[in-house]
Amino acid sequence: MLADRAVRGGRGLQNPTGALSAAARAHVAALGEVLPLLRQRLPATTAGTWADHARRLHGAADEDDHDAMMLAEAIRALVTVEQRDVMPALADGCSLLERRRAGKVYRLRRAATARAVRTTASRRVRSRTELYEVARRAGIEHRSRMTHAELAAAVDAWERSRVSE
């Protein structure tokens, strides 16, 4: 589990707490958009409990100096509530088709949010050739005259505009 790796400072992740924070924000944002669609299926106490834990997790994820232990504990508490209360309530109250639709919305929102919260520092540096190819596919004008930094800025702006759409 990513929470355990962040606390341990596992190998392979340059910033495990930052990765955990980004994943947590993406999860909360995505599930926060799906739950209102299914709110009539959830008991009010379950939705309220989840919202309280989500706020706690969001607060821990937004801190500048991430405390890995506090963040991991907030994630474990949220996952426990989801497994114990939210998932059984949705399984009992929703048809298979509704759950599949909600799952698809959740996956799309989580992926979009994860892409949006990524910082440029965590991205690998793309070569000018790679950037040029992306710019060509995006239809960015005057790309052949741009420097590496200008291409990177133009491609980043284009990718951000795609995420916000």
Foldseek 3Di string as FASTA:
>chain_A
DLLVCQVVVHPPDPHSLLVLLLLLVLQLQLVVVLCVVVVVLADPVLVVQLVVLSVQLNVQSPDPPRDSVSNSVSVVSNVCSCVPGVVVSCVVRDDPVSVVVSVVSSVVSSVLSSVVPDDPVPDDQDDLVVLLVLCVVLVPPPSVVDDSVVSVVVSVVSVVVVSVD
